[in-house]
Amino acid sequence: MKNPPKAALAVLAFALLTGACSSAEGGKPADPNAKIQLTMSVWGGDVDTKTYNERLALVSKKFPNITVKLEQTPGSGDYDQKIQTALAGGKGPDIMQFAENVHVFSGRNQLAPLDDRIAKAKIDLSRRFGPQVAAAYQRDGKTWALPDRSGAMVLYYNKKLFDAAGLSYPTGSWTWTEFRDAAIKLTKRDGDKVTQYGMAAGNWWPWWMTFMVQNGGGLVGPDGKPTADSPANVEALKFYNDLVHVDKVAPSPTDYANLGKDMGPDPLFAQGKAAMVFTGYWGIGTFKEATDLKWDIAPMFQGKRKATAGFGSGLAVNAKSEHQDAAFQVIEFLTSEEGQQPIVANSQDAPANLAVLGSDAFMKSAPVNMGAFKESAANLYTPPGGKHWNEMQKIFDDALGPFFQNETDAQATLDRIQGELEPLLAAS
């Protein structure tokens, strides 16, 4: 219609002023006065429930015509299967939280690409989130979710143990050699028994993969072909495992089993029995509870380059939602400065919005170097795999299990992973 009547222009102006959906949804013209009911699925515990409800209350104030029902799954273990079942049935929530597995779903065309709406809203993803964080939710030149939470993996260290050893505290400029030397000096033994470990880690992908990326390696090349057996990866994996089986500065899988039920890096650090661990934002709350622990955090050390894993999550829109415009309005607001404030106020996580991540409120939210999270945001890498992420993790677990028990060497292990990744990725 080249010359719309004045009444139509008035309706359009009203829609823009009220912030209601101004485009068609479900094939029908958007009515600025229409009440829209959305569902939003997330995972988490009590703090997450409180924080999401506060944020959705802000949504209701911003968009009075939009109501968002929160559907929360305790923990994250059953979440993916629950969402997949719902989507496979042709339904599913309008808005969904995803982490590094986002492209398992985007690869099945179950998520709506957001680029047109991002452009229309004039959002600069690099400025709002940083290019590394935004890239985690992009595939095939399209954006499939907006970053919401973005806690990088950082280095937690026991200041008391460093002081006792006469060592300077770690910084993001530490090299592998400096990290290893410190771990050796921080390890204490009573005969053959280790009474204090210099560090603690394990077989979780962010730990060993970070060493690979820092060494200039990676599991998949720019052309989408696997590069698991590269010399850089072999060197990195050997260095990582030697910390356990050669330097003996970190517990082996058998050591963890002998230390007691549910023992792992974080509990070992909390008990003052490990001088360093690398973990995510959740350690802030965990270690606050250890009243006898004197600790701080620093960005991860570096190899040939700086790199660290991210433990964030993004918010995506269901490709079959009848209210995609309204759903996008909600996630755009939730990732804005105003929408992210409750994340900080409730100490839920590190916010993805860079302005909030660098705010005084976040910097003062714990009596440690919270700036380590913003400094680390520029060094985040995206795990490989896309829609094959779940299958890739099984390949890693099966091959690396014997390796971390010191039953195979790095080259043989990565040769096996390479051989299994090649047909998997060739089928893409």
Protein backbone atom coordinates (compact mmCIF):
# COMPACT_ATOMS: atom_id res chain seq x y z
CA MET A 1 0.00 0.00 0.00
CA LYS A 2 1.88 3.11 -1.22
CA ASN A 3 -0.22 5.72 0.59
CA PRO A 4 -1.64 4.29 3.85
CA PRO A 5 -4.57 6.13 5.38
CA LYS A 6 -3.97 8.34 8.42
CA ALA A 7 -5.65 5.81 10.69
CA ALA A 8 -3.12 3.18 9.76
CA LEU A 9 -0.27 5.61 10.38
CA ALA A 10 -1.71 6.40 13.79
CA VAL A 11 -1.82 2.72 14.69
CA LEU A 12 1.79 2.31 13.58
CA ALA A 13 2.91 5.31 15.62
CA PHE A 14 1.13 3.98 18.67
CA ALA A 15 2.84 0.60 18.26
CA LEU A 16 6.25 2.24 18.12
CA LEU A 17 5.56 4.36 21.20
CA THR A 18 4.35 1.47 23.31
CA GLY A 19 7.19 -0.85 22.26
CA ALA A 20 4.72 -3.48 21.16
CA CYS A 21 5.42 -5.83 18.25
CA SER A 22 5.25 -3.82 15.03
CA SER A 23 5.61 -6.68 12.59
CA ALA A 24 3.44 -9.60 11.67
CA GLU A 25 3.58 -12.76 13.76
CA GLY A 26 1.95 -16.03 12.81
CA GLY A 27 0.92 -14.48 9.48
CA LYS A 28 -1.36 -11.89 11.13
CA PRO A 29 -0.77 -8.14 11.53
CA ALA A 30 0.57 -7.34 14.99
CA ASP A 31 -1.93 -5.70 17.28
CA PRO A 32 -0.16 -3.37 19.77
CA ASN A 33 -2.93 -3.95 22.29
CA ALA A 34 -2.99 -7.73 21.97
CA LYS A 35 -1.98 -9.72 25.03
CA ILE A 36 0.81 -12.15 24.20
CA GLN A 37 1.62 -15.18 26.35
CA LEU A 38 5.14 -16.59 25.99
CA THR A 39 6.91 -19.47 27.68
CA MET A 40 10.60 -19.42 28.57
CA SER A 41 12.58 -22.54 29.52
CA VAL A 42 15.74 -22.41 31.62
CA TRP A 43 17.61 -24.63 34.06
CA GLY A 44 18.98 -23.91 37.52
CA GLY A 45 18.37 -23.74 41.25
CA ASP A 46 16.81 -21.35 43.74
CA VAL A 47 19.05 -18.37 42.93
CA ASP A 48 18.27 -18.80 39.26
CA THR A 49 14.53 -18.90 39.95
CA LYS A 50 14.70 -15.69 41.98
CA THR A 51 16.83 -13.92 39.40
CA TYR A 52 14.77 -14.93 36.36
CA ASN A 53 11.53 -13.94 38.10
CA GLU A 54 12.97 -10.51 38.92
CA ARG A 55 14.11 -10.06 35.35
CA LEU A 56 10.75 -11.13 33.95
CA ALA A 57 9.05 -8.65 36.27
CA LEU A 58 11.11 -5.97 34.53
CA VAL A 59 9.92 -7.37 31.20
CA SER A 60 6.32 -6.97 32.31
CA LYS A 61 6.95 -3.31 33.17
CA LYS A 62 8.68 -2.69 29.86
CA PHE A 63 6.11 -4.58 27.77
CA PRO A 64 2.73 -4.60 29.57
CA ASN A 65 1.13 -6.61 26.79
CA ILE A 66 3.64 -9.50 27.08
CA THR A 67 3.45 -12.15 29.77
CA VAL A 68 6.27 -14.67 30.10
CA LYS A 69 5.73 -17.94 31.94
CA LEU A 70 8.95 -19.37 33.36
CA GLU A 71 9.52 -23.11 32.98
CA GLN A 72 12.56 -24.21 34.96
CA THR A 73 14.31 -27.57 35.08
CA PRO A 74 16.32 -28.26 38.26
CA GLY A 75 19.96 -28.56 37.25
CA SER A 76 20.91 -28.98 33.60
CA GLY A 77 21.20 -32.76 33.30
CA ASP A 78 17.69 -33.45 31.96
CA TYR A 79 17.16 -30.08 30.32
CA ASP A 80 18.42 -30.87 26.82
CA GLN A 81 16.36 -34.03 26.50
CA LYS A 82 13.28 -32.26 27.82
CA ILE A 83 13.65 -29.45 25.27
CA GLN A 84 14.42 -31.84 22.42
CA THR A 85 11.35 -33.93 23.20
CA ALA A 86 9.15 -30.84 23.22
CA LEU A 87 10.60 -29.48 19.97
CA ALA A 88 10.41 -32.84 18.22
CA GLY A 89 6.72 -32.92 19.12
CA GLY A 90 6.21 -29.69 17.20
CA LYS A 91 5.77 -27.53 20.28
CA GLY A 92 8.31 -26.35 22.79
CA PRO A 93 8.77 -23.02 24.58
CA ASP A 94 9.00 -19.70 22.77
CA ILE A 95 12.31 -18.78 24.45
CA MET A 96 15.01 -21.27 25.44
CA GLN A 97 18.31 -21.15 27.30
CA PHE A 98 21.25 -22.91 25.66
CA ALA A 99 24.97 -23.23 26.40
CA GLU A 100 27.71 -24.74 24.21
CA ASN A 101 25.17 -27.15 22.71
CA VAL A 102 23.17 -24.37 21.03
CA HIS A 103 24.18 -25.57 17.56
CA VAL A 104 22.88 -29.06 18.21
CA PHE A 105 19.50 -27.34 17.97
CA SER A 106 20.31 -24.65 15.41
CA GLY A 107 21.72 -27.39 13.17
CA ARG A 108 18.30 -29.04 13.16
CA ASN A 109 16.60 -25.76 12.15
CA GLN A 110 14.78 -25.68 15.48
CA LEU A 111 15.86 -22.13 16.33
CA ALA A 112 14.94 -18.90 14.57
CA PRO A 113 17.86 -16.94 13.07
CA LEU A 114 17.92 -13.54 14.75
CA ASP A 115 19.96 -11.42 12.35
CA ASP A 116 17.13 -9.47 10.71
CA ARG A 117 15.70 -8.57 14.09
CA ILE A 118 19.15 -7.68 15.45
CA ALA A 119 19.68 -5.34 12.50
CA LYS A 120 16.24 -3.80 12.91
CA ALA A 121 16.88 -3.20 16.60
CA LYS A 122 20.30 -1.73 15.72
CA ILE A 123 22.16 -3.94 18.18
CA ASP A 124 25.94 -4.00 17.88
CA LEU A 125 26.73 -7.50 19.13
CA SER A 126 30.46 -6.85 19.43
CA ARG A 127 29.89 -3.73 21.49
CA ARG A 128 27.22 -5.28 23.70
CA PHE A 129 28.86 -8.66 24.30
CA GLY A 130 32.29 -8.68 22.69
CA PRO A 131 33.01 -10.54 19.43
CA GLN A 132 34.25 -13.73 21.13
CA VAL A 133 31.12 -14.11 23.25
CA ALA A 134 28.78 -13.33 20.34
CA ALA A 135 30.62 -15.81 18.09
CA ALA A 136 29.68 -18.72 20.37
CA TYR A 137 26.07 -18.40 19.21
CA GLN A 138 26.79 -17.92 15.50
CA ARG A 139 26.91 -20.61 12.83
CA ASP A 140 26.92 -20.46 9.04
CA GLY A 141 26.95 -16.67 9.15
CA LYS A 142 23.81 -16.45 11.28
CA THR A 143 23.11 -15.64 14.92
CA TRP A 144 20.99 -18.19 16.78
CA ALA A 145 20.88 -16.78 20.32
CA LEU A 146 21.74 -13.64 22.25
CA PRO A 147 24.41 -14.11 24.96
CA ASP A 148 22.89 -13.83 28.42
CA ARG A 149 25.47 -15.14 30.90
CA SER A 150 29.20 -15.37 30.27
CA GLY A 151 31.35 -16.52 33.17
CA ALA A 152 34.83 -17.29 31.82
CA MET A 153 37.01 -20.01 33.30
CA VAL A 154 39.47 -18.25 35.59
CA LEU A 155 42.26 -19.32 37.92
CA TYR A 156 41.34 -19.54 41.60
CA TYR A 157 44.31 -19.58 43.98
CA ASN A 158 44.89 -19.98 47.72
CA LYS A 159 46.72 -16.86 48.90
CA LYS A 160 47.72 -18.45 52.20
CA LEU A 161 49.49 -21.33 50.46
CA PHE A 162 51.20 -18.98 48.00
CA ASP A 163 52.40 -16.80 50.89
CA ALA A 164 53.71 -19.83 52.79
CA ALA A 165 55.67 -20.92 49.69
CA GLY A 166 57.04 -17.41 49.16
CA LEU A 167 55.51 -17.19 45.68
CA SER A 168 54.07 -14.19 43.88
CA TYR A 169 50.37 -14.45 43.06
CA PRO A 170 49.43 -15.59 39.52
CA THR A 171 48.52 -13.17 36.75
CA GLY A 172 47.11 -13.52 33.25
CA SER A 173 50.64 -13.05 31.89
CA TRP A 174 51.90 -16.25 33.51
CA THR A 175 53.39 -18.76 31.07
CA TRP A 176 52.95 -22.53 31.20
CA THR A 177 56.44 -22.79 32.68
CA GLU A 178 55.61 -20.34 35.46
CA PHE A 179 52.35 -22.14 36.18
CA ARG A 180 54.04 -25.55 36.28
CA ASP A 181 56.93 -24.30 38.46
CA ALA A 182 54.48 -22.80 40.94
CA ALA A 183 52.40 -26.00 41.03
CA ILE A 184 55.54 -28.02 41.80
CA LYS A 185 56.58 -25.68 44.62
CA LEU A 186 53.05 -25.69 46.08
CA THR A 187 52.83 -29.49 46.24
CA LYS A 188 53.66 -31.07 49.59
CA ARG A 189 54.29 -34.72 50.39
CA ASP A 190 54.59 -36.94 53.42
CA GLY A 191 56.70 -39.73 51.98
CA ASP A 192 54.86 -40.96 48.89
CA LYS A 193 51.58 -39.43 50.01
CA VAL A 194 50.57 -36.00 48.70
CA THR A 195 49.16 -33.84 51.48
CA GLN A 196 48.77 -30.67 49.42
CA TYR A 197 48.37 -30.49 45.64
CA GLY A 198 49.71 -27.61 43.61
CA MET A 199 46.65 -27.71 41.37
CA ALA A 200 43.55 -29.76 40.67
CA ALA A 201 41.73 -30.45 37.41
CA GLY A 202 40.46 -33.54 35.59
CA ASN A 203 38.99 -34.84 32.33
CA TRP A 204 36.29 -32.21 31.70
CA TRP A 205 36.65 -30.72 28.20
CA PRO A 206 37.22 -27.05 29.22
CA TRP A 207 40.38 -28.02 31.10
CA TRP A 208 42.29 -30.04 28.52
CA MET A 209 40.87 -28.24 25.49
CA THR A 210 42.03 -24.89 26.84
CA PHE A 211 45.61 -26.14 26.87
CA MET A 212 45.24 -27.18 23.22
CA VAL A 213 43.87 -23.80 22.14
CA GLN A 214 46.49 -21.94 24.15
CA ASN A 215 49.14 -23.97 22.33
CA GLY A 216 47.84 -22.88 18.94
CA GLY A 217 45.87 -26.08 18.39
CA GLY A 218 42.25 -27.06 18.21
CA LEU A 219 40.09 -30.01 17.27
CA VAL A 220 38.46 -28.68 14.11
CA GLY A 221 40.02 -26.43 11.47
CA PRO A 222 38.43 -23.45 9.68
CA ASP A 223 37.44 -25.79 6.85
CA GLY A 224 35.37 -27.92 9.22
CA LYS A 225 37.77 -30.87 9.10
CA PRO A 226 39.17 -32.45 12.27
CA THR A 227 42.69 -31.55 13.37
CA ALA A 228 42.81 -33.56 16.59
CA ASP A 229 46.13 -35.27 15.85
CA SER A 230 48.09 -32.06 15.21
CA PRO A 231 51.52 -31.68 16.88
CA ALA A 232 50.22 -28.68 18.86
CA ASN A 233 47.43 -30.79 20.36
CA VAL A 234 49.75 -33.71 21.14
CA GLU A 235 52.17 -31.39 22.92
CA ALA A 236 49.40 -29.69 24.91
CA LEU A 237 47.68 -32.91 25.98
CA LYS A 238 50.99 -34.43 27.06
CA PHE A 239 51.89 -31.34 29.09
CA TYR A 240 48.50 -31.42 30.78
CA ASN A 241 48.64 -35.12 31.67
CA ASP A 242 52.27 -34.91 32.79
CA LEU A 243 51.21 -32.52 35.53
CA VAL A 244 49.35 -35.49 37.02
CA HIS A 245 51.49 -38.51 36.20
CA VAL A 246 55.02 -37.11 35.88
CA ASP A 247 55.15 -33.99 38.08
CA LYS A 248 52.45 -35.43 40.34
CA VAL A 249 51.20 -31.97 41.30
CA ALA A 250 47.54 -32.81 40.63
CA PRO A 251 45.26 -35.74 41.55
CA SER A 252 44.73 -38.57 39.08
CA PRO A 253 41.26 -40.12 38.62
CA THR A 254 42.34 -42.86 41.05
CA ASP A 255 43.49 -40.24 43.57
CA TYR A 256 40.10 -38.51 43.45
CA ALA A 257 38.37 -41.85 44.06
CA ASN A 258 40.62 -42.55 47.04
CA LEU A 259 40.04 -39.08 48.49
CA GLY A 260 36.36 -39.82 49.06
CA LYS A 261 32.91 -39.72 47.53
CA ASP A 262 32.10 -36.71 45.34
CA MET A 263 35.63 -35.38 45.66
CA GLY A 264 36.75 -33.16 42.80
CA PRO A 265 38.80 -30.03 42.10
CA ASP A 266 36.43 -27.50 43.69
CA PRO A 267 35.91 -29.39 46.99
CA LEU A 268 39.65 -30.06 47.19
CA PHE A 269 40.37 -26.35 46.79
CA ALA A 270 37.68 -25.40 49.31
CA GLN A 271 39.33 -27.68 51.88
CA GLY A 272 42.70 -25.98 51.36
CA LYS A 273 44.22 -29.15 49.88
CA ALA A 274 44.83 -27.74 46.39
CA ALA A 275 46.55 -24.41 45.81
CA MET A 276 45.00 -23.71 42.40
CA VAL A 277 41.95 -24.70 40.38
CA PHE A 278 40.52 -23.34 37.13
CA THR A 279 36.78 -23.12 37.19
CA GLY A 280 33.84 -20.83 36.47
CA TYR A 281 31.91 -18.07 38.19
CA TRP A 282 30.12 -20.53 40.47
CA GLY A 283 33.35 -20.83 42.44
CA ILE A 284 32.74 -17.32 43.81
CA GLY A 285 29.69 -18.47 45.77
CA THR A 286 31.17 -21.89 46.59
CA PHE A 287 34.39 -20.58 48.08
CA LYS A 288 32.69 -17.75 49.96
CA GLU A 289 31.23 -20.48 52.15
CA ALA A 290 34.72 -21.74 53.09
CA THR A 291 35.34 -19.23 55.89
CA ASP A 292 38.91 -20.37 56.59
CA LEU A 293 39.94 -19.99 52.95
CA LYS A 294 41.99 -16.97 51.90
CA TRP A 295 41.69 -16.85 48.12
CA ASP A 296 41.50 -14.72 45.01
CA ILE A 297 41.16 -15.11 41.24
CA ALA A 298 43.20 -14.21 38.16
CA PRO A 299 42.74 -14.66 34.42
CA MET A 300 44.03 -17.95 33.04
CA PHE A 301 47.74 -18.20 32.28
CA GLN A 302 48.81 -18.37 28.64
CA GLY A 303 50.69 -20.59 26.21
CA LYS A 304 51.47 -19.44 22.68
CA ARG A 305 48.29 -17.40 22.95
CA LYS A 306 45.75 -16.38 25.56
CA ALA A 307 42.63 -18.52 25.62
CA THR A 308 40.06 -19.73 28.09
CA ALA A 309 36.74 -21.55 28.08
CA GLY A 310 33.45 -19.82 28.69
CA PHE A 311 30.60 -21.15 30.81
CA GLY A 312 27.92 -18.87 29.50
CA SER A 313 24.47 -19.37 28.08
CA GLY A 314 22.35 -17.61 25.53
CA LEU A 315 18.64 -17.09 24.90
CA ALA A 316 17.17 -18.42 21.65
CA VAL A 317 13.78 -18.22 19.95
CA ASN A 318 11.84 -21.29 18.85
CA ALA A 319 11.63 -21.46 15.07
CA LYS A 320 7.99 -22.58 15.42
CA SER A 321 6.93 -19.91 17.89
CA GLU A 322 3.86 -17.99 16.80
CA HIS A 323 5.26 -14.89 18.52
CA GLN A 324 8.85 -14.62 17.36
CA ASP A 325 8.88 -10.82 17.33
CA ALA A 326 7.65 -10.64 20.92
CA ALA A 327 10.09 -13.36 21.99
CA PHE A 328 12.94 -11.40 20.44
CA GLN A 329 11.82 -8.23 22.21
CA VAL A 330 12.03 -10.13 25.50
CA ILE A 331 15.51 -11.59 24.95
CA GLU A 332 16.80 -8.27 23.61
CA PHE A 333 15.66 -6.60 26.82
CA LEU A 334 16.96 -9.40 29.06
CA THR A 335 20.42 -8.96 27.55
CA SER A 336 20.36 -5.17 27.88
CA GLU A 337 21.99 -3.33 30.78
CA GLU A 338 18.68 -2.98 32.61
CA GLY A 339 17.69 -6.59 32.03
CA GLN A 340 21.01 -7.92 33.34
CA GLN A 341 21.15 -6.00 36.63
CA PRO A 342 19.46 -8.75 38.72
CA ILE A 343 22.15 -11.22 37.62
CA VAL A 344 24.68 -9.10 39.51
CA ALA A 345 22.40 -8.18 42.40
CA ASN A 346 21.74 -11.85 43.17
CA SER A 347 25.31 -13.05 42.43
CA GLN A 348 23.84 -15.49 39.94
CA ASP A 349 26.59 -15.40 37.33
CA ALA A 350 28.81 -13.14 35.26
CA PRO A 351 26.54 -11.13 32.93
CA ALA A 352 27.19 -11.27 29.19
CA ASN A 353 26.57 -7.57 28.69
CA LEU A 354 30.03 -5.95 28.76
CA ALA A 355 28.81 -2.72 30.34
CA VAL A 356 27.32 -4.65 33.25
CA LEU A 357 30.32 -6.98 33.44
CA GLY A 358 32.56 -3.94 33.90
CA SER A 359 30.21 -2.07 36.23
CA ASP A 360 31.07 -1.05 39.79
CA ALA A 361 28.25 -3.25 41.02
CA PHE A 362 29.84 -6.36 39.51
CA MET A 363 33.39 -5.38 40.47
CA LYS A 364 32.32 -4.96 44.08
CA SER A 365 30.06 -8.03 44.23
CA ALA A 366 32.80 -10.15 45.85
CA PRO A 367 36.01 -9.23 47.73
CA VAL A 368 38.25 -10.64 44.98
CA ASN A 369 39.54 -9.54 41.57
CA MET A 370 36.22 -9.63 39.71
CA GLY A 371 37.87 -7.79 36.84
CA ALA A 372 39.37 -11.14 35.87
CA PHE A 373 36.05 -12.04 34.24
CA LYS A 374 35.93 -9.00 31.97
CA GLU A 375 39.62 -9.34 31.13
CA SER A 376 38.98 -12.97 30.19
CA ALA A 377 36.02 -12.15 27.94
CA ALA A 378 38.38 -11.11 25.16
CA ASN A 379 40.12 -14.50 25.27
CA LEU A 380 37.15 -16.86 25.11
CA TYR A 381 37.14 -19.56 22.44
CA THR A 382 34.16 -21.37 20.97
CA PRO A 383 34.17 -25.17 21.36
CA PRO A 384 33.95 -27.02 18.04
CA GLY A 385 31.40 -29.42 16.69
CA GLY A 386 28.25 -27.46 15.99
CA LYS A 387 25.36 -29.87 15.62
CA HIS A 388 27.71 -32.80 16.35
CA TRP A 389 28.73 -31.54 19.79
CA ASN A 390 27.03 -34.34 21.70
CA GLU A 391 28.57 -37.09 19.55
CA MET A 392 31.96 -35.41 19.80
CA GLN A 393 31.84 -35.35 23.58
CA LYS A 394 31.24 -39.11 23.63
CA ILE A 395 34.24 -39.63 21.36
CA PHE A 396 36.37 -37.50 23.69
CA ASP A 397 35.20 -39.28 26.82
CA ASP A 398 35.75 -42.77 25.41
CA ALA A 399 39.25 -42.00 24.12
CA LEU A 400 40.47 -39.81 26.96
CA GLY A 401 39.32 -42.07 29.80
CA PRO A 402 42.26 -44.51 29.38
CA PHE A 403 44.63 -41.60 28.64
CA PHE A 404 43.93 -39.83 31.91
CA GLN A 405 44.56 -43.15 33.67
CA ASN A 406 47.97 -43.08 31.94
CA GLU A 407 47.19 -46.24 29.96
CA THR A 408 47.82 -44.70 26.51
CA ASP A 409 49.96 -41.82 25.23
CA ALA A 410 48.86 -38.50 23.77
CA GLN A 411 49.62 -39.34 20.14
CA ALA A 412 47.72 -42.64 20.16
CA THR A 413 44.79 -41.02 21.96
CA LEU A 414 44.51 -38.15 19.50
CA ASP A 415 44.98 -40.48 16.53
CA ARG A 416 41.94 -42.40 17.78
CA ILE A 417 39.93 -39.20 18.22
CA GLN A 418 40.97 -38.03 14.73
CA GLY A 419 39.89 -41.34 13.21
CA GLU A 420 36.45 -41.13 14.80
CA LEU A 421 35.90 -37.44 14.07
CA GLU A 422 36.64 -37.72 10.36
CA PRO A 423 33.57 -39.77 9.34
CA LEU A 424 31.37 -37.89 11.81
CA LEU A 425 32.23 -34.45 10.44
CA ALA A 426 32.37 -35.68 6.82
CA ALA A 427 28.70 -36.58 7.14
CA SER A 428 27.73 -32.97 7.87
